Amino acid sequence: MNKRRCAKPVAAAAGLVFLFSAPLTRAQSSAPPPVAVPQKTTPLPQARKAPAQTDVFAGLQYTDDQQAKISKIHEAMQSRRDAVIKDDKLSPDQKDAFMQGFARMERSEVYEVLTPEQKAEVSKRMAALRKDAQKGREKKPPRPQP
């Protein structure tokens, strides 16, 4: 069971290392980039939210310092998302996995900026969401196996 819990984060971390090391090697080359040939584009992946997932940070009152830090976090994550979206080497499933990983990282980093009181409130909200999700799973009949 622990192997399953660790497999996705390890894969996401390895992907992030690969993703962010690739642009560094391109940026160091002195040759001008080749002229890009327009290609058919696929729809851009969007980070999906689970239906029961809501913004647990909504309604919190932030200090100016917290707002500045959170804004920097959002900007950094957006630049990472943009890099993934523009990467033609990744499949849609890989892009979706990156987007979900970035969303988790962003929530984690924002959580670290919060005061202990704010963290307690967010934890309370997350526990309520988990409880609601658990109730939803209990009500649904199991899917038939093919």
N, C-alpha and C. Protein backbone atom coordinates (compact mmCIF):
# COMPACT_ATOMS: atom_id res chain seq x y z
N MET A 1 0.82 -1.19 0.00
CA MET A 1 0.00 0.00 0.00
C MET A 1 0.87 1.26 0.00
N ASN A 2 1.95 1.26 0.77
CA ASN A 2 2.83 2.42 0.81
C ASN A 2 3.51 2.66 -0.53
N LYS A 3 3.75 1.59 -1.26
CA LYS A 3 4.37 1.76 -2.58
C LYS A 3 3.43 2.51 -3.51
N ARG A 4 2.15 2.23 -3.42
CA ARG A 4 1.18 2.92 -4.27
C ARG A 4 1.08 4.39 -3.89
N ARG A 5 1.12 4.68 -2.61
CA ARG A 5 1.00 6.06 -2.15
C ARG A 5 2.19 6.89 -2.59
N CYS A 6 3.35 6.27 -2.72
CA CYS A 6 4.56 7.00 -3.06
C CYS A 6 4.83 7.05 -4.55
N ALA A 7 4.19 6.18 -5.32
CA ALA A 7 4.51 6.07 -6.75
C ALA A 7 4.19 7.35 -7.50
N LYS A 8 3.01 7.91 -7.32
CA LYS A 8 2.64 9.12 -8.05
C LYS A 8 3.49 10.32 -7.67
N PRO A 9 3.70 10.60 -6.37
CA PRO A 9 4.56 11.74 -6.04
C PRO A 9 5.99 11.58 -6.54
N VAL A 10 6.51 10.36 -6.51
CA VAL A 10 7.87 10.13 -6.99
C VAL A 10 7.92 10.36 -8.50
N ALA A 11 6.91 9.87 -9.22
CA ALA A 11 6.86 10.07 -10.67
C ALA A 11 6.72 11.55 -11.00
N ALA A 12 5.89 12.25 -10.25
CA ALA A 12 5.71 13.68 -10.49
C ALA A 12 7.00 14.44 -10.21
N ALA A 13 7.69 14.09 -9.14
CA ALA A 13 8.95 14.77 -8.81
C ALA A 13 9.99 14.52 -9.90
N ALA A 14 10.06 13.27 -10.39
CA ALA A 14 11.02 12.97 -11.45
C ALA A 14 10.67 13.75 -12.71
N GLY A 15 9.40 13.85 -13.00
CA GLY A 15 8.97 14.62 -14.16
C GLY A 15 9.31 16.09 -14.03
N LEU A 16 9.14 16.64 -12.83
CA LEU A 16 9.48 18.04 -12.60
C LEU A 16 10.96 18.29 -12.79
N VAL A 17 11.78 17.39 -12.28
CA VAL A 17 13.23 17.53 -12.44
C VAL A 17 13.57 17.53 -13.93
N PHE A 18 12.98 16.60 -14.67
CA PHE A 18 13.24 16.53 -16.10
C PHE A 18 12.74 17.78 -16.81
N LEU A 19 11.54 18.21 -16.45
CA LEU A 19 10.93 19.36 -17.11
C LEU A 19 11.75 20.62 -16.93
N PHE A 20 12.22 20.85 -15.71
CA PHE A 20 12.92 22.09 -15.47
C PHE A 20 14.41 22.03 -15.81
N SER A 21 14.94 20.86 -16.05
CA SER A 21 16.32 20.78 -16.49
C SER A 21 16.41 20.94 -18.00
N ALA A 22 15.38 20.56 -18.73
CA ALA A 22 15.39 20.67 -20.19
C ALA A 22 15.46 22.12 -20.67
N PRO A 23 14.66 23.06 -20.14
CA PRO A 23 14.76 24.44 -20.63
C PRO A 23 16.10 25.08 -20.33
N LEU A 24 16.78 24.65 -19.27
CA LEU A 24 18.08 25.23 -18.95
C LEU A 24 19.10 24.90 -20.04
N THR A 25 19.05 23.69 -20.57
CA THR A 25 20.01 23.33 -21.60
C THR A 25 19.74 24.08 -22.90
N ARG A 26 18.49 24.34 -23.21
CA ARG A 26 18.17 25.10 -24.41
C ARG A 26 18.58 26.55 -24.27
N ALA A 27 18.43 27.11 -23.07
CA ALA A 27 18.73 28.52 -22.86
C ALA A 27 20.23 28.80 -22.97
N GLN A 28 21.07 27.80 -22.78
CA GLN A 28 22.50 28.02 -22.82
C GLN A 28 23.07 27.94 -24.23
N SER A 29 22.32 27.44 -25.18
CA SER A 29 22.85 27.33 -26.54
C SER A 29 22.89 28.71 -27.19
N SER A 30 23.91 28.96 -28.00
CA SER A 30 24.07 30.27 -28.61
C SER A 30 23.45 30.33 -30.01
N ALA A 31 23.05 29.20 -30.56
CA ALA A 31 22.44 29.18 -31.88
C ALA A 31 21.01 29.69 -31.80
N PRO A 32 20.59 30.46 -32.81
CA PRO A 32 19.21 30.94 -32.78
C PRO A 32 18.25 29.77 -32.97
N PRO A 33 17.08 29.84 -32.37
CA PRO A 33 16.14 28.73 -32.52
C PRO A 33 15.63 28.64 -33.95
N PRO A 34 15.35 27.44 -34.43
CA PRO A 34 14.83 27.30 -35.78
C PRO A 34 13.44 27.92 -35.88
N VAL A 35 13.07 28.28 -37.11
CA VAL A 35 11.76 28.87 -37.34
C VAL A 35 10.70 27.81 -37.08
N ALA A 36 9.74 28.15 -36.26
CA ALA A 36 8.71 27.19 -35.89
C ALA A 36 7.69 27.07 -37.02
N VAL A 37 7.36 25.84 -37.35
CA VAL A 37 6.34 25.57 -38.36
C VAL A 37 5.02 25.42 -37.62
N PRO A 38 3.99 26.17 -38.01
CA PRO A 38 2.72 26.03 -37.32
C PRO A 38 2.20 24.60 -37.40
N GLN A 39 1.77 24.09 -36.27
CA GLN A 39 1.24 22.74 -36.21
C GLN A 39 -0.18 22.80 -35.69
N LYS A 40 -0.91 21.74 -35.96
CA LYS A 40 -2.25 21.67 -35.40
C LYS A 40 -2.10 21.53 -33.89
N THR A 41 -2.87 22.30 -33.18
CA THR A 41 -2.77 22.26 -31.73
C THR A 41 -3.92 21.45 -31.16
N THR A 42 -3.60 20.82 -30.06
CA THR A 42 -4.64 20.08 -29.35
C THR A 42 -5.18 21.00 -28.27
N PRO A 43 -6.36 20.74 -27.79
CA PRO A 43 -6.89 21.59 -26.72
C PRO A 43 -5.98 21.53 -25.51
N LEU A 44 -5.82 22.66 -24.86
CA LEU A 44 -4.93 22.74 -23.72
C LEU A 44 -5.56 22.06 -22.51
N PRO A 45 -4.75 21.27 -21.79
CA PRO A 45 -5.32 20.61 -20.61
C PRO A 45 -5.56 21.63 -19.51
N GLN A 46 -6.62 21.45 -18.79
CA GLN A 46 -6.93 22.30 -17.66
C GLN A 46 -6.83 21.45 -16.40
N ALA A 47 -6.37 22.07 -15.35
CA ALA A 47 -6.31 21.35 -14.08
C ALA A 47 -7.75 21.04 -13.66
N ARG A 48 -8.02 19.77 -13.42
CA ARG A 48 -9.37 19.36 -13.06
C ARG A 48 -9.53 19.42 -11.55
N LYS A 49 -10.70 19.80 -11.14
CA LYS A 49 -11.02 19.77 -9.73
C LYS A 49 -12.04 18.66 -9.51
N ALA A 50 -11.87 17.96 -8.44
CA ALA A 50 -12.86 16.95 -8.10
C ALA A 50 -14.16 17.68 -7.79
N PRO A 51 -15.30 17.08 -8.11
CA PRO A 51 -16.56 17.77 -7.90
C PRO A 51 -16.76 18.25 -6.46
N ALA A 52 -16.29 17.49 -5.48
CA ALA A 52 -16.49 17.87 -4.08
C ALA A 52 -15.43 18.85 -3.59
N GLN A 53 -14.39 19.08 -4.40
CA GLN A 53 -13.29 19.93 -3.96
C GLN A 53 -13.66 21.40 -4.09
N THR A 54 -13.47 22.15 -3.04
CA THR A 54 -13.70 23.58 -3.07
C THR A 54 -12.45 24.28 -2.59
N ASP A 55 -12.45 25.59 -2.67
CA ASP A 55 -11.29 26.36 -2.25
C ASP A 55 -11.31 26.50 -0.73
N VAL A 56 -10.47 25.74 -0.06
CA VAL A 56 -10.43 25.77 1.40
C VAL A 56 -9.80 27.05 1.93
N PHE A 57 -9.19 27.83 1.06
CA PHE A 57 -8.56 29.08 1.46
C PHE A 57 -9.51 30.28 1.31
N ALA A 58 -10.68 30.06 0.72
CA ALA A 58 -11.63 31.15 0.46
C ALA A 58 -12.09 31.76 1.78
N GLY A 59 -12.15 33.08 1.81
CA GLY A 59 -12.66 33.78 2.97
C GLY A 59 -11.64 34.08 4.05
N LEU A 60 -10.42 33.61 3.89
CA LEU A 60 -9.38 33.92 4.89
C LEU A 60 -8.92 35.36 4.69
N GLN A 61 -8.63 36.02 5.79
CA GLN A 61 -8.12 37.39 5.73
C GLN A 61 -6.60 37.34 5.78
N TYR A 62 -5.95 37.79 4.70
CA TYR A 62 -4.49 37.74 4.60
C TYR A 62 -3.89 39.10 4.93
N THR A 63 -2.69 39.07 5.51
CA THR A 63 -1.93 40.31 5.70
C THR A 63 -1.32 40.69 4.36
N ASP A 64 -0.78 41.91 4.29
CA ASP A 64 -0.15 42.36 3.04
C ASP A 64 1.04 41.46 2.69
N ASP A 65 1.79 41.07 3.71
CA ASP A 65 2.95 40.20 3.50
C ASP A 65 2.50 38.84 2.95
N GLN A 66 1.44 38.29 3.55
CA GLN A 66 0.92 37.01 3.07
C GLN A 66 0.42 37.12 1.63
N GLN A 67 -0.28 38.20 1.32
CA GLN A 67 -0.79 38.40 -0.05
C GLN A 67 0.35 38.46 -1.05
N ALA A 68 1.44 39.13 -0.69
CA ALA A 68 2.59 39.22 -1.59
C ALA A 68 3.21 37.85 -1.81
N LYS A 69 3.37 37.08 -0.72
CA LYS A 69 3.96 35.74 -0.85
C LYS A 69 3.06 34.82 -1.67
N ILE A 70 1.77 34.88 -1.43
CA ILE A 70 0.82 34.03 -2.15
C ILE A 70 0.80 34.41 -3.63
N SER A 71 0.88 35.69 -3.90
CA SER A 71 0.92 36.14 -5.30
C SER A 71 2.15 35.60 -6.01
N LYS A 72 3.30 35.60 -5.34
CA LYS A 72 4.52 35.06 -5.93
C LYS A 72 4.38 33.56 -6.19
N ILE A 73 3.74 32.86 -5.26
CA ILE A 73 3.52 31.42 -5.43
C ILE A 73 2.65 31.17 -6.65
N HIS A 74 1.55 31.93 -6.78
CA HIS A 74 0.65 31.77 -7.92
C HIS A 74 1.38 32.05 -9.25
N GLU A 75 2.19 33.09 -9.28
CA GLU A 75 2.93 33.43 -10.49
C GLU A 75 3.93 32.34 -10.87
N ALA A 76 4.63 31.81 -9.89
CA ALA A 76 5.61 30.75 -10.15
C ALA A 76 4.91 29.50 -10.70
N MET A 77 3.79 29.14 -10.10
CA MET A 77 3.06 27.96 -10.56
C MET A 77 2.48 28.18 -11.95
N GLN A 78 2.03 29.40 -12.22
CA GLN A 78 1.48 29.68 -13.55
C GLN A 78 2.56 29.55 -14.61
N SER A 79 3.77 30.00 -14.32
CA SER A 79 4.84 29.87 -15.31
C SER A 79 5.18 28.39 -15.53
N ARG A 80 5.12 27.58 -14.48
CA ARG A 80 5.35 26.14 -14.63
C ARG A 80 4.25 25.50 -15.46
N ARG A 81 2.99 25.91 -15.19
CA ARG A 81 1.87 25.38 -15.97
C ARG A 81 2.03 25.73 -17.45
N ASP A 82 2.41 26.98 -17.72
CA ASP A 82 2.59 27.41 -19.10
C ASP A 82 3.67 26.59 -19.80
N ALA A 83 4.74 26.28 -19.09
CA ALA A 83 5.82 25.47 -19.67
C ALA A 83 5.32 24.08 -20.03
N VAL A 84 4.50 23.50 -19.18
CA VAL A 84 3.97 22.16 -19.44
C VAL A 84 3.00 22.20 -20.61
N ILE A 85 2.15 23.20 -20.65
CA ILE A 85 1.16 23.30 -21.73
C ILE A 85 1.86 23.43 -23.08
N LYS A 86 2.95 24.17 -23.13
CA LYS A 86 3.66 24.41 -24.39
C LYS A 86 4.56 23.25 -24.80
N ASP A 87 4.81 22.31 -23.89
CA ASP A 87 5.70 21.19 -24.19
C ASP A 87 4.99 20.16 -25.07
N ASP A 88 5.42 20.06 -26.31
CA ASP A 88 4.79 19.14 -27.27
C ASP A 88 5.20 17.69 -27.05
N LYS A 89 6.20 17.45 -26.25
CA LYS A 89 6.69 16.09 -26.04
C LYS A 89 5.84 15.32 -25.03
N LEU A 90 5.01 16.02 -24.28
CA LEU A 90 4.20 15.37 -23.26
C LEU A 90 2.83 14.99 -23.81
N SER A 91 2.34 13.84 -23.38
CA SER A 91 0.99 13.41 -23.79
C SER A 91 -0.02 14.18 -22.94
N PRO A 92 -1.28 14.19 -23.38
CA PRO A 92 -2.30 14.86 -22.57
C PRO A 92 -2.41 14.31 -21.15
N ASP A 93 -2.24 13.00 -20.99
CA ASP A 93 -2.29 12.41 -19.66
C ASP A 93 -1.12 12.90 -18.79
N GLN A 94 0.06 13.02 -19.40
CA GLN A 94 1.21 13.52 -18.66
C GLN A 94 1.01 14.98 -18.27
N LYS A 95 0.47 15.75 -19.20
CA LYS A 95 0.21 17.16 -18.90
C LYS A 95 -0.79 17.29 -17.76
N ASP A 96 -1.82 16.46 -17.79
CA ASP A 96 -2.83 16.49 -16.74
C ASP A 96 -2.20 16.11 -15.40
N ALA A 97 -1.32 15.13 -15.40
CA ALA A 97 -0.65 14.72 -14.17
C ALA A 97 0.20 15.87 -13.62
N PHE A 98 0.90 16.57 -14.50
CA PHE A 98 1.70 17.71 -14.07
C PHE A 98 0.80 18.80 -13.48
N MET A 99 -0.32 19.07 -14.14
CA MET A 99 -1.22 20.11 -13.66
C MET A 99 -1.75 19.77 -12.26
N GLN A 100 -2.11 18.52 -12.06
CA GLN A 100 -2.58 18.11 -10.74
C GLN A 100 -1.47 18.23 -9.70
N GLY A 101 -0.26 17.87 -10.08
CA GLY A 101 0.87 17.99 -9.17
C GLY A 101 1.16 19.44 -8.82
N PHE A 102 1.08 20.32 -9.83
CA PHE A 102 1.30 21.74 -9.57
C PHE A 102 0.24 22.30 -8.64
N ALA A 103 -1.01 21.86 -8.82
CA ALA A 103 -2.09 22.33 -7.94
C ALA A 103 -1.82 21.91 -6.50
N ARG A 104 -1.35 20.67 -6.31
CA ARG A 104 -1.03 20.19 -4.96
C ARG A 104 0.12 21.00 -4.37
N MET A 105 1.15 21.23 -5.18
CA MET A 105 2.30 21.99 -4.71
C MET A 105 1.88 23.41 -4.32
N GLU A 106 1.03 24.01 -5.14
CA GLU A 106 0.60 25.38 -4.89
C GLU A 106 -0.18 25.45 -3.57
N ARG A 107 -1.11 24.53 -3.36
CA ARG A 107 -1.87 24.52 -2.11
C ARG A 107 -0.94 24.33 -0.91
N SER A 108 0.03 23.45 -1.07
CA SER A 108 0.98 23.19 0.02
C SER A 108 1.80 24.43 0.35
N GLU A 109 2.27 25.12 -0.67
CA GLU A 109 3.09 26.32 -0.44
C GLU A 109 2.26 27.45 0.17
N VAL A 110 1.01 27.59 -0.29
CA VAL A 110 0.15 28.62 0.29
C VAL A 110 -0.14 28.29 1.75
N TYR A 111 -0.36 27.03 2.04
CA TYR A 111 -0.63 26.61 3.42
C TYR A 111 0.52 26.99 4.35
N GLU A 112 1.75 26.89 3.87
CA GLU A 112 2.92 27.22 4.68
C GLU A 112 2.99 28.71 5.02
N VAL A 113 2.33 29.55 4.23
CA VAL A 113 2.36 31.00 4.46
C VAL A 113 1.37 31.39 5.56
N LEU A 114 0.40 30.55 5.85
CA LEU A 114 -0.67 30.88 6.78
C LEU A 114 -0.20 30.93 8.23
N THR A 115 -0.95 31.68 9.03
CA THR A 115 -0.70 31.73 10.47
C THR A 115 -1.25 30.44 11.09
N PRO A 116 -0.85 30.12 12.33
CA PRO A 116 -1.38 28.91 12.97
C PRO A 116 -2.92 28.90 13.06
N GLU A 117 -3.54 30.06 13.29
CA GLU A 117 -5.00 30.13 13.36
C GLU A 117 -5.61 29.83 11.99
N GLN A 118 -5.01 30.40 10.95
CA GLN A 118 -5.51 30.16 9.58
C GLN A 118 -5.32 28.69 9.21
N LYS A 119 -4.20 28.11 9.60
CA LYS A 119 -3.95 26.69 9.31
C LYS A 119 -5.00 25.82 10.00
N ALA A 120 -5.36 26.17 11.23
CA ALA A 120 -6.38 25.41 11.95
C ALA A 120 -7.72 25.49 11.22
N GLU A 121 -8.08 26.67 10.73
CA GLU A 121 -9.34 26.84 10.00
C GLU A 121 -9.34 26.03 8.71
N VAL A 122 -8.23 26.08 7.97
CA VAL A 122 -8.12 25.32 6.72
C VAL A 122 -8.19 23.82 7.00
N SER A 123 -7.51 23.39 8.05
CA SER A 123 -7.54 21.96 8.41
C SER A 123 -8.96 21.52 8.75
N LYS A 124 -9.69 22.37 9.43
CA LYS A 124 -11.08 22.07 9.77
C LYS A 124 -11.92 21.92 8.49
N ARG A 125 -11.72 22.83 7.56
CA ARG A 125 -12.46 22.78 6.29
C ARG A 125 -12.11 21.52 5.49
N MET A 126 -10.82 21.17 5.48
CA MET A 126 -10.39 19.98 4.74
C MET A 126 -10.98 18.72 5.36
N ALA A 127 -11.04 18.68 6.69
CA ALA A 127 -11.63 17.52 7.37
C ALA A 127 -13.11 17.39 7.01
N ALA A 128 -13.81 18.52 6.95
CA ALA A 128 -15.22 18.49 6.58
C ALA A 128 -15.39 17.99 5.14
N LEU A 129 -14.51 18.43 4.24
CA LEU A 129 -14.58 17.96 2.85
C LEU A 129 -14.34 16.46 2.77
N ARG A 130 -13.36 15.98 3.52
CA ARG A 130 -13.08 14.54 3.53
C ARG A 130 -14.27 13.75 4.05
N LYS A 131 -14.90 14.28 5.09
CA LYS A 131 -16.06 13.61 5.67
C LYS A 131 -17.20 13.56 4.65
N ASP A 132 -17.44 14.67 3.96
CA ASP A 132 -18.48 14.69 2.92
C ASP A 132 -18.16 13.72 1.80
N ALA A 133 -16.91 13.67 1.41
CA ALA A 133 -16.50 12.76 0.33
C ALA A 133 -16.69 11.31 0.77
N GLN A 134 -16.38 11.02 2.02
CA GLN A 134 -16.55 9.67 2.54
C GLN A 134 -18.03 9.29 2.53
N LYS A 135 -18.89 10.20 2.93
CA LYS A 135 -20.33 9.93 2.90
C LYS A 135 -20.79 9.67 1.47
N GLY A 136 -20.27 10.45 0.52
CA GLY A 136 -20.63 10.28 -0.89
C GLY A 136 -20.22 8.91 -1.41
N ARG A 137 -19.05 8.44 -0.99
CA ARG A 137 -18.58 7.12 -1.43
C ARG A 137 -19.41 6.00 -0.84
N GLU A 138 -19.88 6.19 0.38
CA GLU A 138 -20.68 5.16 1.03
C GLU A 138 -22.05 5.01 0.37
N LYS A 139 -22.61 6.11 -0.14
CA LYS A 139 -23.94 6.08 -0.75
C LYS A 139 -23.94 5.44 -2.13
N LYS A 140 -22.85 5.57 -2.87
CA LYS A 140 -22.80 5.06 -4.24
C LYS A 140 -22.64 3.55 -4.24
N PRO A 141 -23.41 2.86 -5.09
CA PRO A 141 -23.22 1.42 -5.18
C PRO A 141 -21.91 1.14 -5.92
N PRO A 142 -21.26 0.03 -5.64
CA PRO A 142 -20.00 -0.29 -6.31
C PRO A 142 -20.22 -0.49 -7.81
N ARG A 143 -19.22 -0.09 -8.58
CA ARG A 143 -19.30 -0.28 -10.03
C ARG A 143 -19.15 -1.76 -10.38
N PRO A 144 -19.92 -2.21 -11.36
CA PRO A 144 -19.76 -3.61 -11.78
C PRO A 144 -18.42 -3.79 -12.52
N GLN A 145 -17.79 -4.90 -12.27
CA GLN A 145 -16.52 -5.22 -12.92
C GLN A 145 -16.79 -5.77 -14.31
N PRO A 146 -16.03 -5.32 -15.33
CA PRO A 146 -16.26 -5.84 -16.70
C PRO A 146 -15.80 -7.26 -16.85
